[in-house]
Amino acid sequence: MTQSRNGATFIQTAHVAKGSDCVPFIVGGALMQPSTLSSISPLEAAPCTALEQTLTCFKFYLDQSIQEGAIYSNKLYRLAKQFAVDERLQAYQYGYELMGRDVLAFISVSNQRYVVWTKLGSPT
């Protein structure tokens, strides 16, 4: 959902996972305050979004391979899937799919890629 006020565009997103909050992020120089909604329809739900450079990223060993991880909203996440910049729609579709299965996920954005992250311990 987007709203325009005084020439600025505000994007409202929701995190449907119980007990979690979306973190504010910056888009186009404006601070965004995503809201947490208690009851929303699937069409109104959207994965939280964060700028990749604001994340604390790390690598860890799991399932017999080195994985990429990130700290977001004081929780540990693992890289579930990454997409090229021109595959934005596919990244959000994947994020919606995960959230529809009650998997805690968010999407990071950079100039090079979109990444869907899932909370460690969640099935992907």
C-alpha atoms as a PDB file:
ATOM      1  CA  MET A   1       0.000   0.000   0.000  1.00  0.00           C
ATOM      2  CA  THR A   2       1.428   3.407  -0.900  1.00  0.00           C
ATOM      3  CA  GLN A   3       0.309   6.840   0.159  1.00  0.00           C
ATOM      4  CA  SER A   4       1.436  10.240  -1.081  1.00  0.00           C
ATOM      5  CA  ARG A   5       1.718  13.249   1.205  1.00  0.00           C
ATOM      6  CA  ASN A   6       3.360  16.553   0.314  1.00  0.00           C
ATOM      7  CA  GLY A   7       5.098  14.993  -2.682  1.00  0.00           C
ATOM      8  CA  ALA A   8       6.617  12.111  -0.660  1.00  0.00           C
ATOM      9  CA  THR A   9       5.573   8.515  -1.231  1.00  0.00           C
ATOM     10  CA  PHE A  10       5.170   6.327   1.836  1.00  0.00           C
ATOM     11  CA  ILE A  11       5.126   2.554   1.604  1.00  0.00           C
ATOM     12  CA  GLN A  12       3.262   0.614   4.257  1.00  0.00           C
ATOM     13  CA  THR A  13       4.211  -3.012   4.757  1.00  0.00           C
ATOM     14  CA  ALA A  14       3.148  -5.588   7.295  1.00  0.00           C
ATOM     15  CA  HIS A  15       4.801  -8.552   8.914  1.00  0.00           C
ATOM     16  CA  VAL A  16       2.202 -11.238   9.566  1.00  0.00           C
ATOM     17  CA  ALA A  17       4.338 -13.415  11.823  1.00  0.00           C
ATOM     18  CA  LYS A  18       3.072 -13.353  15.385  1.00  0.00           C
ATOM     19  CA  GLY A  19       5.012 -11.261  17.880  1.00  0.00           C
ATOM     20  CA  SER A  20       7.473  -9.638  15.489  1.00  0.00           C
ATOM     21  CA  ASP A  21       7.902  -6.067  14.361  1.00  0.00           C
ATOM     22  CA  CYS A  22       9.062  -4.549  11.119  1.00  0.00           C
ATOM     23  CA  VAL A  23      12.035  -2.242  11.373  1.00  0.00           C
ATOM     24  CA  PRO A  24      11.953   1.254   9.830  1.00  0.00           C
ATOM     25  CA  PHE A  25      13.897   1.581   6.591  1.00  0.00           C
ATOM     26  CA  ILE A  26      14.827   4.368   4.193  1.00  0.00           C
ATOM     27  CA  VAL A  27      13.554   4.603   0.621  1.00  0.00           C
ATOM     28  CA  GLY A  28      14.394   7.561  -1.568  1.00  0.00           C
ATOM     29  CA  GLY A  29      15.720   9.570   1.367  1.00  0.00           C
ATOM     30  CA  ALA A  30      12.511   9.249   3.418  1.00  0.00           C
ATOM     31  CA  LEU A  31      12.293   7.213   6.628  1.00  0.00           C
ATOM     32  CA  MET A  32       9.613   4.532   6.308  1.00  0.00           C
ATOM     33  CA  GLN A  33       7.756   3.182   9.337  1.00  0.00           C
ATOM     34  CA  PRO A  34       6.226  -0.164   8.357  1.00  0.00           C
ATOM     35  CA  SER A  35       3.308  -1.098  10.569  1.00  0.00           C
ATOM     36  CA  THR A  36       2.567  -4.378  12.244  1.00  0.00           C
ATOM     37  CA  LEU A  37      -1.025  -5.402  11.621  1.00  0.00           C
ATOM     38  CA  SER A  38      -2.810  -7.983  13.736  1.00  0.00           C
ATOM     39  CA  SER A  39      -5.366  -9.166  11.180  1.00  0.00           C
ATOM     40  CA  ILE A  40      -4.848  -8.603   7.469  1.00  0.00           C
ATOM     41  CA  SER A  41      -5.846 -10.385   4.315  1.00  0.00           C
ATOM     42  CA  PRO A  42      -3.192 -12.112   2.187  1.00  0.00           C
ATOM     43  CA  LEU A  43      -3.502  -9.405  -0.473  1.00  0.00           C
ATOM     44  CA  GLU A  44      -2.628  -6.693   2.060  1.00  0.00           C
ATOM     45  CA  ALA A  45       0.329  -8.591   3.559  1.00  0.00           C
ATOM     46  CA  ALA A  46       3.820  -7.898   2.316  1.00  0.00           C
ATOM     47  CA  PRO A  47       7.193  -9.127   3.520  1.00  0.00           C
ATOM     48  CA  CYS A  48       9.241  -6.570   5.446  1.00  0.00           C
ATOM     49  CA  THR A  49      11.955  -4.932   3.383  1.00  0.00           C
ATOM     50  CA  ALA A  50      15.404  -3.734   4.467  1.00  0.00           C
ATOM     51  CA  LEU A  51      18.361  -2.203   2.695  1.00  0.00           C
ATOM     52  CA  GLU A  52      21.062  -4.871   2.511  1.00  0.00           C
ATOM     53  CA  GLN A  53      23.819  -2.506   3.638  1.00  0.00           C
ATOM     54  CA  THR A  54      21.978  -1.981   6.959  1.00  0.00           C
ATOM     55  CA  LEU A  55      22.146  -5.700   7.839  1.00  0.00           C
ATOM     56  CA  THR A  56      24.821  -7.433   9.878  1.00  0.00           C
ATOM     57  CA  CYS A  57      25.773 -10.343   7.620  1.00  0.00           C
ATOM     58  CA  PHE A  58      27.801 -13.419   8.537  1.00  0.00           C
ATOM     59  CA  LYS A  59      28.592 -16.919   7.307  1.00  0.00           C
ATOM     60  CA  PHE A  60      27.900 -20.149   9.185  1.00  0.00           C
ATOM     61  CA  TYR A  61      28.075 -23.898   8.665  1.00  0.00           C
ATOM     62  CA  LEU A  62      24.780 -25.824   8.376  1.00  0.00           C
ATOM     63  CA  ASP A  63      23.581 -28.833   6.378  1.00  0.00           C
ATOM     64  CA  GLN A  64      27.168 -29.687   5.383  1.00  0.00           C
ATOM     65  CA  SER A  65      27.785 -26.344   3.653  1.00  0.00           C
ATOM     66  CA  ILE A  66      28.677 -22.719   4.333  1.00  0.00           C
ATOM     67  CA  GLN A  67      25.524 -20.563   4.487  1.00  0.00           C
ATOM     68  CA  GLU A  68      24.955 -16.802   4.434  1.00  0.00           C
ATOM     69  CA  GLY A  69      23.219 -15.337   7.453  1.00  0.00           C
ATOM     70  CA  ALA A  70      21.958 -11.950   8.603  1.00  0.00           C
ATOM     71  CA  ILE A  71      20.744 -10.323  11.788  1.00  0.00           C
ATOM     72  CA  TYR A  72      17.480  -8.441  11.313  1.00  0.00           C
ATOM     73  CA  SER A  73      15.179  -7.147  14.045  1.00  0.00           C
ATOM     74  CA  ASN A  74      17.333  -8.946  16.652  1.00  0.00           C
ATOM     75  CA  LYS A  75      16.689 -12.341  15.008  1.00  0.00           C
ATOM     76  CA  LEU A  76      18.999 -14.652  13.048  1.00  0.00           C
ATOM     77  CA  TYR A  77      18.122 -15.374   9.415  1.00  0.00           C
ATOM     78  CA  ARG A  78      19.609 -17.462   6.630  1.00  0.00           C
ATOM     79  CA  LEU A  79      19.626 -16.707   2.924  1.00  0.00           C
ATOM     80  CA  ALA A  80      16.766 -18.684   1.393  1.00  0.00           C
ATOM     81  CA  LYS A  81      16.992 -17.451  -2.195  1.00  0.00           C
ATOM     82  CA  GLN A  82      18.517 -14.553  -4.103  1.00  0.00           C
ATOM     83  CA  PHE A  83      17.271 -12.828  -7.226  1.00  0.00           C
ATOM     84  CA  ALA A  84      18.772 -10.458  -9.787  1.00  0.00           C
ATOM     85  CA  VAL A  85      17.691  -6.810  -9.669  1.00  0.00           C
ATOM     86  CA  ASP A  86      15.379  -7.328 -12.652  1.00  0.00           C
ATOM     87  CA  GLU A  87      13.634 -10.235 -10.836  1.00  0.00           C
ATOM     88  CA  ARG A  88      11.987  -8.075  -8.163  1.00  0.00           C
ATOM     89  CA  LEU A  89       8.530  -9.540  -8.786  1.00  0.00           C
ATOM     90  CA  GLN A  90       9.815 -13.111  -8.370  1.00  0.00           C
ATOM     91  CA  ALA A  91      11.531 -12.160  -5.085  1.00  0.00           C
ATOM     92  CA  TYR A  92       8.305 -10.738  -3.657  1.00  0.00           C
ATOM     93  CA  GLN A  93       6.267 -13.686  -4.939  1.00  0.00           C
ATOM     94  CA  TYR A  94       8.638 -16.041  -3.124  1.00  0.00           C
ATOM     95  CA  GLY A  95       8.424 -13.915   0.032  1.00  0.00           C
ATOM     96  CA  TYR A  96       4.605 -13.992  -0.098  1.00  0.00           C
ATOM     97  CA  GLU A  97       4.674 -17.762  -0.630  1.00  0.00           C
ATOM     98  CA  LEU A  98       6.847 -18.280   2.451  1.00  0.00           C
ATOM     99  CA  MET A  99       4.715 -15.999   4.596  1.00  0.00           C
ATOM    100  CA  GLY A 100       1.617 -17.868   3.416  1.00  0.00           C
ATOM    101  CA  ARG A 101       3.196 -20.984   4.943  1.00  0.00           C
ATOM    102  CA  ASP A 102       3.826 -19.100   8.231  1.00  0.00           C
ATOM    103  CA  VAL A 103       7.569 -18.889   7.598  1.00  0.00           C
ATOM    104  CA  LEU A 104       9.099 -15.752   9.127  1.00  0.00           C
ATOM    105  CA  ALA A 105      10.836 -13.994   6.209  1.00  0.00           C
ATOM    106  CA  PHE A 106      11.972 -10.602   4.955  1.00  0.00           C
ATOM    107  CA  ILE A 107      13.529  -9.228   1.771  1.00  0.00           C
ATOM    108  CA  SER A 108      16.758  -7.254   1.545  1.00  0.00           C
ATOM    109  CA  VAL A 109      17.396  -4.910  -1.350  1.00  0.00           C
ATOM    110  CA  SER A 110      20.663  -3.712  -2.881  1.00  0.00           C
ATOM    111  CA  ASN A 111      21.817  -2.390  -6.251  1.00  0.00           C
ATOM    112  CA  GLN A 112      22.946  -5.922  -7.191  1.00  0.00           C
ATOM    113  CA  ARG A 113      20.211  -8.224  -5.886  1.00  0.00           C
ATOM    114  CA  TYR A 114      17.068  -8.986  -3.919  1.00  0.00           C
ATOM    115  CA  VAL A 115      17.478 -11.587  -1.162  1.00  0.00           C
ATOM    116  CA  VAL A 116      14.727 -13.477   0.635  1.00  0.00           C
ATOM    117  CA  TRP A 117      15.836 -14.420   4.147  1.00  0.00           C
ATOM    118  CA  THR A 118      14.127 -16.897   6.482  1.00  0.00           C
ATOM    119  CA  LYS A 119      14.422 -17.130  10.241  1.00  0.00           C
ATOM    120  CA  LEU A 120      16.894 -19.788  11.315  1.00  0.00           C
ATOM    121  CA  GLY A 121      14.971 -22.878  12.322  1.00  0.00           C
ATOM    122  CA  SER A 122      12.140 -22.203   9.850  1.00  0.00           C
ATOM    123  CA  PRO A 123      11.532 -24.611   6.960  1.00  0.00           C
ATOM    124  CA  THR A 124      12.151 -23.112   3.510  1.00  0.00           C
END
